[in-house]
Amino acid sequence: MASPNWRASQSREDPSHGEASSDSELHNQLEVVFSPDSNHRRKSSLACGDHPKLARCHDQFDRNTACFVHSLLSGEWTGPETLEDIEESRSPTGENQSAISEINFPEDQHMSVVDFAANRKPEERAPSIVQSRHLTKRQLSDMAWNVRKLSKKLGSIKLKLTVRTVFLVTKAHDESLVTLTREVTQWLLSKDRDTQYTVYVEKRLEAHPTFDAAGLIQEEPSAEGRLKYWDNQLAQEYPQMFDFVITLGGDGTVLYTSWLFQRIVPPVLSFSLGSLGFLTKFDFDNYQKTLTSAFRDGVIVSLRLRFECTIMRSKTREQDQGAKRDLVEELIGEESEDTLTHTPDRVFEILNDVVLDRGPNPTMSSIELFGDDEHFTTVLADGVVVATPTGSTAYNLAAGGSLSHPENPIILVTAICAHTLSFRPIILPDTIVLRMGVPYDARTSSWASFDGRERIELRPGDYVTVSASRYPFANVLPHGRRSEDWVHSISKTLNWNSRQRQKGFR
C-alpha cells in the first residue's frame, strides 16, 4: 500500500520534494500516475479528474494521514535508531510536536511509530483517498497484500496509544443506554484520570434530560470545555480529530460507527450491550478496568476488511439514440476512443455487505456479474449479496453463503433465491474488482443497499463496483483471544453445530 508507484501525491511539506507543490502540480501528478493507458482500467469505469463529484477524492495530504493505524498503512514504520532523523527532516525548525506511539513487541522487542496526526488541525478536513477502481490490478493487489501484512503484524503486538480525544457512540434510539453513556462520559471527564480527555458524544444528547449535560458539568467543573458533541458531518469530514472510539451497544452500533467514518477509522473498542456479539468483545461491567488498561498498557488491533463500493451511472450519449446498448460489451468488450459510457455517482465504505436485489418489483432481478475483465455470469434471482468476511455471518449466512473467519482476505458472493438449481455461493480473492450491473434489456430496475443503510435504485445500464478498501476497520480485541474468539462467537450466537451427543455403545 505504501508503493510510490501509485501514491496519489506527496505531502506539501515533504522536505525530499523541495518547496511546497502547487495544486496544479499535484493534479498533474495524479494525471501521470493514473493515466487512462494503465492496464485493466476501462473508460466505462473512469471519470475525468475534474468531475465535481470526484474533486474531493484527490488526496493532497496522503502522507499525513489522520489515524495512526493508517499512518502505518501508508508506510510510516520507523525504527528507533532513525526516529530522531525523521523528526528533524519532518520539521527543520525543530518545532515538530508529533506524538510517539509505542508498539510493544513480545520477547522484549520494541518499535516506535511517529503519529503525524498529532499535528492535525481540527479545522482541516480529513485527507481524501484515490478510489480503488482507479487502480490497476497490480496496484490493487499490492494494496490488499500490504493491509494483510500489517494486520498480521498488529495481531502479535500491543499498541500503546496517545489518547486525548475520545469519540463515544451509543446504540441509536435506545433510551435505556443514555444513563450508561452519561456514566462513561462522567468517568472519562473526571479530574482523577491521568489524562484530561476531551469526550465527544452524540449531538442529540446535549439537550437530553436524562443525560443532563449541564448537571454533568456542574458535578465536574474541570470538564468545562472538554465535553463536546458530534454529528454525522463532523465524523465524516473531520475524523482526524479523534484518537479513540468507544461504542455502547451491539453489532449494529459497530456497523453504524463504520458508516460514520467513511474513510479513516480510529481504533474502535466495543462494549457488549446488544443482542449479538460478533464485533462487541468487551463486557460493560468492567468498562473502567478495560479502558484504564487500554489507555495505559495498549491494545490489540484487528484490521477488518472493508469494501469500497462505487455506483456507476450509465451515461446517455447522442450517438446512442435509438441504438441497442450492451452492458457486457461496454464493460469488457473492445473500447473505442469516444466519450465515457458511465460516470460515478456515489462512493461508500462498507464493513458487512452490499446487496443488489429486486426491491419493490414483483419480478426477479437480472444482474450481470463481472470480475476484473471477465464476465462471470448473468444472475436471475431475487438478488445478490457481496459480503466481507465480517459480514459472512449476516445476510450472506441467511442466503445460504459460507461462514468465513474475519481474517480471510476474500470476497463472498451469494445469490438470493436464485432461479436455477446450479448456482452455488462463490469465494473470490480480495484482489478482484467485482462489478454487478443491471443489463440494458432488464425488465425492471434493481436496488442496492450498503450495510443495510442506503437504498439506491439502479436503472438499466447502471452498475456497482466492489473492491477492497484502502481503509480497513480497526477493531480492538481482548488480549489473548484473537484466534479462538470468532469460533466462540458463532458457537454462542448461532449455536453452530450444536446437537445432542450420540450415545456410545455399551
Protein backbone atom coordinates (compact mmCIF):
# COMPACT_ATOMS: atom_id res chain seq x y z
CA MET A 1 0.00 0.00 0.00
CA ALA A 2 2.95 2.28 0.51
CA SER A 3 4.26 1.68 -3.02
CA PRO A 4 5.30 5.04 -4.54
CA ASN A 5 4.17 3.94 -7.99
CA TRP A 6 0.54 4.53 -7.09
CA ARG A 7 0.61 7.13 -4.35
CA ALA A 8 -1.63 9.95 -5.50
CA SER A 9 0.53 12.81 -4.29
CA GLN A 10 3.28 13.71 -1.86
CA SER A 11 2.88 15.90 1.20
CA ARG A 12 3.25 19.59 0.54
CA GLU A 13 5.67 19.74 3.45
CA ASP A 14 7.80 16.77 2.45
CA PRO A 15 11.42 18.06 2.51
CA SER A 16 12.50 15.44 -0.01
CA HIS A 17 10.42 17.19 -2.66
CA GLY A 18 11.71 20.68 -2.09
CA GLU A 19 9.26 23.51 -1.66
CA ALA A 20 5.53 23.04 -1.38
CA SER A 21 3.84 21.90 -4.56
CA SER A 22 1.01 23.86 -6.05
CA ASP A 23 -2.49 22.49 -6.62
CA SER A 24 -1.89 22.31 -10.35
CA GLU A 25 1.35 20.36 -9.87
CA LEU A 26 -0.41 17.87 -7.60
CA HIS A 27 -3.19 17.50 -10.16
CA ASN A 28 -0.63 16.83 -12.86
CA GLN A 29 0.99 14.16 -10.68
CA LEU A 30 -2.39 12.49 -10.36
CA GLU A 31 -2.89 12.52 -14.11
CA VAL A 32 0.54 10.97 -14.68
CA VAL A 33 0.22 8.23 -12.06
CA PHE A 34 -3.27 7.21 -13.08
CA SER A 35 -3.14 7.68 -16.82
CA PRO A 36 -6.01 6.21 -18.86
CA ASP A 37 -3.47 3.94 -20.59
CA SER A 38 -2.97 1.81 -17.46
CA ASN A 39 -3.76 -1.87 -17.84
CA HIS A 40 -7.02 -3.33 -16.58
CA ARG A 41 -8.78 0.02 -16.47
CA ARG A 42 -11.57 0.78 -18.89
CA LYS A 43 -13.18 4.06 -19.77
CA SER A 44 -16.52 2.79 -18.53
CA SER A 45 -15.06 2.73 -15.01
CA LEU A 46 -13.26 6.06 -15.12
CA ALA A 47 -14.15 9.69 -14.85
CA CYS A 48 -12.34 12.89 -15.60
CA GLY A 49 -10.29 14.19 -12.69
CA ASP A 50 -12.22 17.47 -12.85
CA HIS A 51 -15.54 15.70 -12.29
CA PRO A 52 -17.26 17.66 -9.44
CA LYS A 53 -18.25 14.50 -7.60
CA LEU A 54 -14.65 13.28 -7.58
CA ALA A 55 -12.95 16.56 -6.78
CA ARG A 56 -12.93 15.76 -3.07
CA CYS A 57 -11.34 12.38 -3.73
CA HIS A 58 -7.96 13.72 -4.82
CA ASP A 59 -5.69 13.15 -1.88
CA GLN A 60 -3.28 16.01 -1.39
CA PHE A 61 -2.33 15.04 2.15
CA ASP A 62 -1.79 11.33 1.73
CA ARG A 63 1.47 11.23 3.67
CA ASN A 64 -0.10 12.95 6.67
CA THR A 65 -2.94 10.52 7.05
CA ALA A 66 -5.05 11.16 10.12
CA CYS A 67 -5.25 7.90 12.07
CA PHE A 68 -2.07 6.37 13.44
CA VAL A 69 -3.11 2.92 12.19
CA HIS A 70 -3.48 4.34 8.71
CA SER A 71 -0.15 6.10 9.00
CA LEU A 72 1.21 2.57 9.31
CA LEU A 73 -0.75 1.60 6.21
CA SER A 74 0.98 4.45 4.41
CA GLY A 75 4.37 3.02 5.34
CA GLU A 76 5.23 5.17 8.34
CA TRP A 77 7.14 2.38 10.15
CA THR A 78 10.15 3.91 11.85
CA GLY A 79 12.92 2.12 13.70
CA PRO A 80 14.16 3.62 16.99
CA GLU A 81 17.58 4.37 15.52
CA THR A 82 16.10 6.61 12.80
CA LEU A 83 13.36 8.27 14.77
CA GLU A 84 15.31 11.48 15.52
CA ASP A 85 16.42 11.82 11.92
CA ILE A 86 12.86 11.56 10.68
CA GLU A 87 11.62 14.10 13.22
CA GLU A 88 14.34 16.54 12.14
CA SER A 89 13.57 16.04 8.46
CA ARG A 90 9.87 16.49 9.06
CA SER A 91 10.43 19.73 10.99
CA PRO A 92 13.66 21.55 10.10
CA THR A 93 12.84 24.25 12.64
CA GLY A 94 12.77 21.73 15.46
CA GLU A 95 9.17 22.55 16.32
CA ASN A 96 7.69 19.16 15.44
CA GLN A 97 5.27 18.10 18.16
CA SER A 98 4.28 14.73 16.72
CA ALA A 99 3.23 12.24 19.33
CA ILE A 100 5.16 8.99 19.56
CA SER A 101 3.09 5.83 19.94
CA GLU A 102 4.92 2.82 21.33
CA ILE A 103 4.43 -0.64 19.90
CA ASN A 104 5.25 -3.29 22.47
CA PHE A 105 6.57 -6.41 20.75
CA PRO A 106 6.77 -9.76 22.51
CA GLU A 107 10.16 -11.00 23.63
CA ASP A 108 11.35 -7.52 24.58
CA GLN A 109 11.21 -6.23 21.01
CA HIS A 110 10.22 -2.60 20.68
CA MET A 111 9.46 -0.27 17.81
CA SER A 112 8.13 3.26 17.70
CA VAL A 113 5.66 4.83 15.33
CA VAL A 114 5.50 8.51 14.53
CA ASP A 115 1.89 9.64 14.78
CA PHE A 116 1.81 12.57 12.38
CA ALA A 117 -1.86 13.02 13.27
CA ALA A 118 -0.73 14.87 16.39
CA ASN A 119 -0.11 17.91 14.19
CA ARG A 120 -3.59 17.80 12.76
CA LYS A 121 -5.69 20.92 12.72
CA PRO A 122 -9.36 20.44 13.68
CA GLU A 123 -10.46 22.95 11.07
CA GLU A 124 -8.88 20.92 8.28
CA ARG A 125 -10.94 18.32 6.54
CA ALA A 126 -9.77 14.73 6.52
CA PRO A 127 -7.49 13.69 3.68
CA SER A 128 -9.42 12.11 0.84
CA ILE A 129 -8.41 8.96 -0.98
CA VAL A 130 -7.91 7.83 -4.53
CA GLN A 131 -10.65 5.33 -5.12
CA SER A 132 -9.77 1.69 -5.65
CA ARG A 133 -11.46 1.48 -9.03
CA HIS A 134 -8.79 3.88 -10.33
CA LEU A 135 -6.03 1.40 -9.53
CA THR A 136 -4.54 -1.17 -11.83
CA LYS A 137 -4.78 -4.85 -11.00
CA ARG A 138 -1.24 -4.92 -9.66
CA GLN A 139 -1.74 -1.79 -7.57
CA LEU A 140 -4.90 -3.21 -6.04
CA SER A 141 -3.11 -6.48 -5.27
CA ASP A 142 -0.24 -4.61 -3.63
CA MET A 143 -2.68 -2.61 -1.55
CA ALA A 144 -4.55 -5.68 -0.30
CA TRP A 145 -1.29 -7.51 0.40
CA ASN A 146 0.05 -4.63 2.49
CA VAL A 147 -3.15 -4.48 4.55
CA ARG A 148 -2.89 -8.21 5.26
CA LYS A 149 0.78 -7.88 6.14
CA LEU A 150 0.14 -5.08 8.60
CA SER A 151 -2.85 -6.89 10.08
CA LYS A 152 -0.66 -9.91 10.77
CA LYS A 153 1.91 -7.71 12.49
CA LEU A 154 -0.70 -5.97 14.61
CA GLY A 155 -2.07 -9.32 15.74
CA SER A 156 1.09 -10.13 17.71
CA ILE A 157 1.86 -6.75 19.22
CA LYS A 158 0.28 -4.34 21.65
CA LEU A 159 -0.15 -0.75 20.52
CA LYS A 160 0.27 1.91 23.16
CA LEU A 161 -1.73 4.89 22.01
CA THR A 162 -1.57 8.58 22.79
CA VAL A 163 -5.26 9.16 23.55
CA ARG A 164 -6.55 12.64 24.22
CA THR A 165 -9.85 12.81 22.34
CA VAL A 166 -12.48 10.07 22.70
CA PHE A 167 -15.46 9.57 20.39
CA LEU A 168 -18.40 7.90 22.16
CA VAL A 169 -21.13 6.11 20.15
CA THR A 170 -24.32 4.82 21.77
CA LYS A 171 -26.87 2.44 20.33
CA ALA A 172 -29.16 4.66 18.32
CA HIS A 173 -32.58 5.47 19.82
CA ASP A 174 -32.09 3.18 22.84
CA GLU A 175 -33.12 5.37 25.75
CA SER A 176 -32.02 2.76 28.28
CA LEU A 177 -28.40 3.38 27.31
CA VAL A 178 -28.43 7.13 27.88
CA THR A 179 -27.79 6.66 31.59
CA LEU A 180 -24.86 4.34 30.89
CA THR A 181 -23.49 6.80 28.32
CA ARG A 182 -23.57 9.55 30.93
CA GLU A 183 -21.79 7.27 33.40
CA VAL A 184 -18.95 6.54 30.96
CA THR A 185 -18.71 10.19 29.95
CA GLN A 186 -18.51 11.33 33.56
CA TRP A 187 -15.80 8.76 34.30
CA LEU A 188 -13.72 9.85 31.31
CA LEU A 189 -14.06 13.55 32.19
CA SER A 190 -13.19 13.07 35.85
CA LYS A 191 -10.20 15.02 37.14
CA ASP A 192 -8.98 11.72 38.63
CA ARG A 193 -7.93 10.47 35.19
CA ASP A 194 -4.23 10.64 34.36
CA THR A 195 -5.08 12.48 31.13
CA GLN A 196 -7.63 15.26 30.75
CA TYR A 197 -9.66 13.65 27.96
CA THR A 198 -11.91 15.50 25.56
CA VAL A 199 -15.09 13.47 25.05
CA TYR A 200 -17.44 13.76 22.08
CA VAL A 201 -20.99 12.41 22.47
CA GLU A 202 -23.87 12.46 20.01
CA LYS A 203 -25.48 15.85 19.41
CA ARG A 204 -28.93 14.65 20.42
CA LEU A 205 -27.69 14.11 23.99
CA GLU A 206 -26.88 17.78 24.51
CA ALA A 207 -30.49 18.59 25.39
CA HIS A 208 -31.48 15.13 26.62
CA PRO A 209 -32.94 15.37 30.16
CA THR A 210 -31.52 12.02 31.26
CA PHE A 211 -28.02 12.81 30.03
CA ASP A 212 -28.22 16.21 31.77
CA ALA A 213 -25.13 17.79 30.26
CA ALA A 214 -25.40 20.92 32.42
CA GLY A 215 -25.61 18.84 35.57
CA LEU A 216 -22.62 16.79 34.49
CA ILE A 217 -20.51 19.94 34.12
CA GLN A 218 -21.77 21.19 37.46
CA GLU A 219 -20.73 17.93 39.13
CA GLU A 220 -17.32 18.01 37.44
CA PRO A 221 -16.29 21.66 36.83
CA SER A 222 -12.97 20.57 35.29
CA ALA A 223 -14.97 19.09 32.39
CA GLU A 224 -15.92 22.56 31.18
CA GLY A 225 -14.85 22.80 27.54
CA ARG A 226 -13.93 19.10 27.34
CA LEU A 227 -17.47 17.78 26.77
CA LYS A 228 -18.31 18.25 23.11
CA TYR A 229 -20.82 16.91 20.60
CA TRP A 230 -20.60 15.21 17.24
CA ASP A 231 -22.94 14.81 14.30
CA ASN A 232 -22.66 12.79 11.09
CA GLN A 233 -20.96 15.59 9.18
CA LEU A 234 -18.27 16.09 11.83
CA ALA A 235 -17.44 12.38 11.92
CA GLN A 236 -17.24 12.07 8.13
CA GLU A 237 -15.31 15.25 7.38
CA TYR A 238 -13.03 15.56 10.42
CA PRO A 239 -12.19 12.04 11.65
CA GLN A 240 -8.61 13.18 12.34
CA MET A 241 -9.91 14.93 15.45
CA PHE A 242 -10.46 11.63 17.30
CA ASP A 243 -7.86 9.30 18.78
CA PHE A 244 -10.11 6.50 20.04
CA VAL A 245 -13.70 5.33 19.61
CA ILE A 246 -15.84 3.64 22.26
CA THR A 247 -19.19 2.04 21.35
CA LEU A 248 -22.01 1.03 23.68
CA GLY A 249 -24.49 -1.38 22.08
CA GLY A 250 -24.47 -4.40 19.81
CA ASP A 251 -23.02 -5.25 16.42
CA GLY A 252 -25.39 -2.73 14.83
CA THR A 253 -23.71 0.05 16.78
CA VAL A 254 -20.31 -1.05 15.46
CA LEU A 255 -21.68 -1.06 11.89
CA TYR A 256 -23.09 2.42 12.49
CA THR A 257 -19.63 3.54 13.63
CA SER A 258 -18.11 2.16 10.43
CA TRP A 259 -20.76 4.05 8.48
CA LEU A 260 -19.95 7.30 10.31
CA PHE A 261 -16.26 7.03 9.47
CA GLN A 262 -16.48 6.55 5.73
CA ARG A 263 -12.73 6.76 5.24
CA ILE A 264 -10.41 6.93 8.24
CA VAL A 265 -11.49 4.80 11.22
CA PRO A 266 -9.77 5.35 14.60
CA PRO A 267 -9.32 2.22 16.78
CA VAL A 268 -12.77 1.07 17.97
CA LEU A 269 -13.34 -0.62 21.34
CA SER A 270 -16.86 -2.06 21.61
CA PHE A 271 -18.75 -2.88 24.80
CA SER A 272 -21.47 -5.52 24.50
CA LEU A 273 -24.93 -4.16 25.33
CA GLY A 274 -26.89 -5.65 22.43
CA SER A 275 -28.28 -8.97 21.26
CA LEU A 276 -25.36 -10.11 19.07
CA GLY A 277 -21.68 -10.41 19.85
CA PHE A 278 -19.57 -10.92 16.73
CA LEU A 279 -17.97 -7.47 16.98
CA THR A 280 -18.63 -6.46 20.60
CA LYS A 281 -15.87 -8.18 22.56
CA PHE A 282 -15.82 -6.41 25.93
CA ASP A 283 -18.08 -6.72 28.98
CA PHE A 284 -19.51 -3.38 30.02
CA ASP A 285 -19.49 -4.27 33.72
CA ASN A 286 -15.71 -3.95 33.65
CA TYR A 287 -15.52 -0.81 31.49
CA GLN A 288 -13.38 1.19 33.94
CA LYS A 289 -10.75 -1.52 34.20
CA THR A 290 -10.88 -2.17 30.44
CA LEU A 291 -10.43 1.47 29.44
CA THR A 292 -7.72 2.11 32.02
CA SER A 293 -5.75 -0.87 30.73
CA ALA A 294 -6.31 0.12 27.07
CA PHE A 295 -5.09 3.68 27.54
CA ARG A 296 -2.21 2.80 29.87
CA ASP A 297 -0.94 -0.55 28.60
CA GLY A 298 -2.07 -0.57 24.97
CA VAL A 299 -4.48 -2.56 22.81
CA ILE A 300 -4.52 -5.42 20.30
CA VAL A 301 -5.96 -4.28 16.96
CA SER A 302 -7.51 -6.41 14.24
CA LEU A 303 -7.91 -4.84 10.81
CA ARG A 304 -11.28 -5.87 9.40
CA LEU A 305 -11.52 -5.79 5.61
CA ARG A 306 -13.94 -3.20 4.27
CA PHE A 307 -15.23 -2.80 0.71
CA GLU A 308 -15.26 0.34 -1.34
CA CYS A 309 -18.42 0.49 -3.45
CA THR A 310 -18.95 2.97 -6.28
CA ILE A 311 -22.27 3.48 -8.03
CA MET A 312 -21.68 3.97 -11.76
CA ARG A 313 -24.47 5.57 -13.77
CA SER A 314 -25.00 4.89 -17.45
CA LYS A 315 -24.31 7.99 -19.47
CA THR A 316 -26.68 8.93 -22.27
CA ARG A 317 -24.80 9.68 -25.47
CA GLU A 318 -26.10 11.36 -28.62
CA GLN A 319 -24.67 8.69 -30.91
CA ASP A 320 -26.58 6.03 -28.98
CA GLN A 321 -30.03 7.49 -29.60
CA GLY A 322 -32.19 4.58 -30.74
CA ALA A 323 -29.24 2.17 -30.74
CA LYS A 324 -29.24 -1.01 -28.69
CA ARG A 325 -26.62 -0.93 -25.95
CA ASP A 326 -24.99 -3.96 -24.31
CA LEU A 327 -23.61 -3.68 -20.75
CA VAL A 328 -21.27 -6.65 -21.21
CA GLU A 329 -19.80 -5.12 -24.35
CA GLU A 330 -19.33 -1.75 -22.66
CA LEU A 331 -17.52 -3.20 -19.66
CA ILE A 332 -15.29 -5.88 -21.18
CA GLY A 333 -15.63 -5.53 -24.97
CA GLU A 334 -13.46 -3.59 -27.39
CA GLU A 335 -13.06 0.02 -26.38
CA SER A 336 -13.50 2.93 -28.73
CA GLU A 337 -11.96 6.36 -28.40
CA ASP A 338 -15.23 8.18 -27.82
CA THR A 339 -16.70 9.54 -24.61
CA LEU A 340 -17.14 7.63 -21.38
CA THR A 341 -20.06 5.23 -21.10
CA HIS A 342 -20.51 5.61 -17.32
CA THR A 343 -19.94 8.25 -14.68
CA PRO A 344 -19.55 7.78 -10.89
CA ASP A 345 -22.40 8.83 -8.64
CA ARG A 346 -21.67 7.93 -5.01
CA VAL A 347 -19.00 6.04 -3.06
CA PHE A 348 -19.49 4.03 0.14
CA GLU A 349 -17.16 2.20 2.53
CA ILE A 350 -18.89 -0.86 3.99
CA LEU A 351 -17.99 -3.36 6.69
CA ASN A 352 -20.70 -6.00 6.20
CA ASP A 353 -22.15 -6.32 2.71
CA VAL A 354 -23.57 -4.73 -0.39
CA VAL A 355 -26.87 -6.19 -1.58
CA LEU A 356 -28.34 -5.81 -5.05
CA ASP A 357 -31.96 -7.00 -5.12
CA ARG A 358 -35.31 -6.58 -6.87
CA GLY A 359 -36.63 -4.12 -4.29
CA PRO A 360 -40.38 -3.47 -4.60
CA ASN A 361 -40.57 -5.03 -8.07
CA PRO A 362 -42.69 -8.21 -8.30
CA THR A 363 -40.34 -9.84 -10.82
CA MET A 364 -36.88 -11.23 -10.14
CA SER A 365 -33.76 -9.27 -10.90
CA SER A 366 -31.45 -9.79 -13.83
CA ILE A 367 -27.88 -8.98 -12.76
CA GLU A 368 -24.67 -9.15 -14.80
CA LEU A 369 -21.70 -10.22 -12.66
CA PHE A 370 -18.13 -9.27 -13.64
CA GLY A 371 -14.73 -9.95 -12.09
CA ASP A 372 -11.90 -7.75 -13.37
CA ASP A 373 -12.10 -8.04 -17.19
CA GLU A 374 -14.20 -11.19 -17.24
CA HIS A 375 -17.94 -11.67 -17.42
CA PHE A 376 -18.71 -14.29 -14.78
CA THR A 377 -22.40 -14.93 -15.30
CA THR A 378 -25.90 -13.49 -15.54
CA VAL A 379 -27.79 -14.00 -12.28
CA LEU A 380 -31.56 -14.46 -12.35
CA ALA A 381 -32.59 -14.23 -8.72
CA ASP A 382 -34.15 -12.04 -6.08
CA GLY A 383 -30.72 -10.50 -5.69
CA VAL A 384 -27.03 -10.96 -4.92
CA VAL A 385 -25.14 -10.48 -1.64
CA VAL A 386 -21.49 -9.49 -1.79
CA ALA A 387 -20.13 -9.81 1.73
CA THR A 388 -16.89 -9.13 3.55
CA PRO A 389 -15.55 -11.87 5.86
CA THR A 390 -17.02 -9.85 8.74
CA GLY A 391 -20.40 -9.84 7.01
CA SER A 392 -20.35 -13.57 6.31
CA THR A 393 -22.49 -14.14 9.43
CA ALA A 394 -25.14 -11.61 8.36
CA TYR A 395 -27.33 -11.63 5.20
CA ASN A 396 -24.78 -13.86 3.49
CA LEU A 397 -25.43 -16.57 6.06
CA ALA A 398 -29.20 -16.24 5.77
CA ALA A 399 -28.95 -16.56 1.97
CA GLY A 400 -27.01 -19.83 2.28
CA GLY A 401 -23.49 -18.47 1.92
CA SER A 402 -20.36 -19.77 3.62
CA LEU A 403 -19.10 -18.64 7.01
CA SER A 404 -15.64 -17.10 6.90
CA HIS A 405 -13.13 -16.18 9.57
CA PRO A 406 -12.80 -12.35 9.54
CA GLU A 407 -9.06 -12.51 8.81
CA ASN A 408 -9.55 -14.25 5.45
CA PRO A 409 -8.75 -11.89 2.52
CA ILE A 410 -11.79 -12.82 0.46
CA ILE A 411 -15.00 -11.60 -1.17
CA LEU A 412 -18.10 -13.77 -0.71
CA VAL A 413 -20.75 -13.79 -3.44
CA THR A 414 -24.11 -15.41 -2.70
CA ALA A 415 -27.34 -15.35 -4.72
CA ILE A 416 -30.67 -14.66 -3.01
CA CYS A 417 -33.23 -17.25 -4.14
CA ALA A 418 -31.56 -17.96 -7.48
CA HIS A 419 -33.91 -19.26 -10.18
CA THR A 420 -31.55 -22.11 -11.02
CA LEU A 421 -30.51 -25.32 -9.29
CA SER A 422 -26.83 -24.93 -10.11
CA PHE A 423 -25.88 -21.52 -8.71
CA ARG A 424 -23.62 -22.00 -5.70
CA PRO A 425 -22.01 -19.41 -3.43
CA ILE A 426 -18.51 -18.49 -4.59
CA ILE A 427 -15.50 -17.14 -2.70
CA LEU A 428 -13.15 -14.76 -4.53
CA PRO A 429 -9.83 -13.17 -3.55
CA ASP A 430 -9.88 -9.59 -2.30
CA THR A 431 -7.69 -8.52 -5.21
CA ILE A 432 -10.57 -8.82 -7.67
CA VAL A 433 -12.62 -5.80 -8.72
CA LEU A 434 -16.18 -7.07 -8.77
CA ARG A 435 -18.95 -5.38 -10.73
CA MET A 436 -22.69 -6.00 -10.57
CA GLY A 437 -24.83 -4.34 -13.21
CA VAL A 438 -28.38 -4.16 -14.48
CA PRO A 439 -28.46 -5.06 -18.21
CA TYR A 440 -30.00 -2.57 -20.60
CA ASP A 441 -32.71 -5.04 -21.58
CA ALA A 442 -33.74 -5.84 -17.98
CA ARG A 443 -37.48 -5.73 -17.32
CA THR A 444 -37.10 -3.66 -14.16
CA SER A 445 -34.51 -1.76 -12.20
CA SER A 446 -32.72 -3.18 -9.16
CA TRP A 447 -31.94 -1.67 -5.77
CA ALA A 448 -28.60 -1.53 -3.99
CA SER A 449 -28.14 -1.25 -0.23
CA PHE A 450 -24.88 -0.75 1.64
CA ASP A 451 -24.55 -2.17 5.15
CA GLY A 452 -28.34 -2.06 5.27
CA ARG A 453 -28.46 1.74 5.29
CA GLU A 454 -28.52 3.47 1.92
CA ARG A 455 -31.15 2.25 -0.54
CA ILE A 456 -30.43 3.37 -4.09
CA GLU A 457 -32.16 2.46 -7.34
CA LEU A 458 -30.03 1.13 -10.19
CA ARG A 459 -31.68 1.63 -13.54
CA PRO A 460 -30.87 -0.49 -16.62
CA GLY A 461 -27.29 0.20 -17.61
CA ASP A 462 -26.11 1.16 -14.11
CA TYR A 463 -23.72 -0.96 -12.08
CA VAL A 464 -21.86 -1.12 -8.76
CA THR A 465 -18.10 -1.58 -8.44
CA VAL A 466 -16.93 -3.51 -5.35
CA SER A 467 -13.26 -3.75 -4.33
CA ALA A 468 -11.10 -3.96 -1.23
CA SER A 469 -10.94 -0.67 0.62
CA ARG A 470 -7.70 1.07 1.42
CA TYR A 471 -9.10 1.91 4.86
CA PRO A 472 -9.95 -1.19 6.93
CA PHE A 473 -11.88 -1.13 10.19
CA ALA A 474 -9.53 -1.05 13.21
CA ASN A 475 -11.27 -3.30 15.74
CA VAL A 476 -9.83 -3.58 19.27
CA LEU A 477 -9.68 -7.16 20.59
CA PRO A 478 -9.27 -8.57 24.11
CA HIS A 479 -5.72 -9.67 24.84
CA GLY A 480 -5.00 -13.34 24.12
CA ARG A 481 -8.30 -14.16 22.39
CA ARG A 482 -7.58 -13.37 18.76
CA SER A 483 -7.69 -16.87 17.26
CA GLU A 484 -10.44 -18.59 19.19
CA ASP A 485 -12.76 -15.62 19.70
CA TRP A 486 -14.61 -15.90 16.38
CA VAL A 487 -15.30 -19.62 16.74
CA HIS A 488 -16.60 -18.98 20.23
CA SER A 489 -18.90 -16.25 18.85
CA ILE A 490 -20.56 -18.42 16.21
CA SER A 491 -20.94 -21.26 18.71
CA LYS A 492 -22.55 -18.98 21.29
CA THR A 493 -24.62 -16.79 18.98
CA LEU A 494 -25.65 -19.21 16.23
CA ASN A 495 -25.43 -22.50 18.15
CA TRP A 496 -23.11 -23.67 15.38
CA ASN A 497 -23.13 -27.48 15.01
CA SER A 498 -24.99 -27.84 18.29
CA ARG A 499 -26.88 -31.12 18.76
CA GLN A 500 -27.44 -33.82 21.30
CA ARG A 501 -24.37 -36.03 21.60
CA GLN A 502 -24.66 -39.54 20.20
CA LYS A 503 -24.69 -42.27 22.81
CA GLY A 504 -21.78 -44.69 22.83
CA PHE A 505 -22.06 -48.50 22.59
CA ARG A 506 -22.39 -50.39 25.84
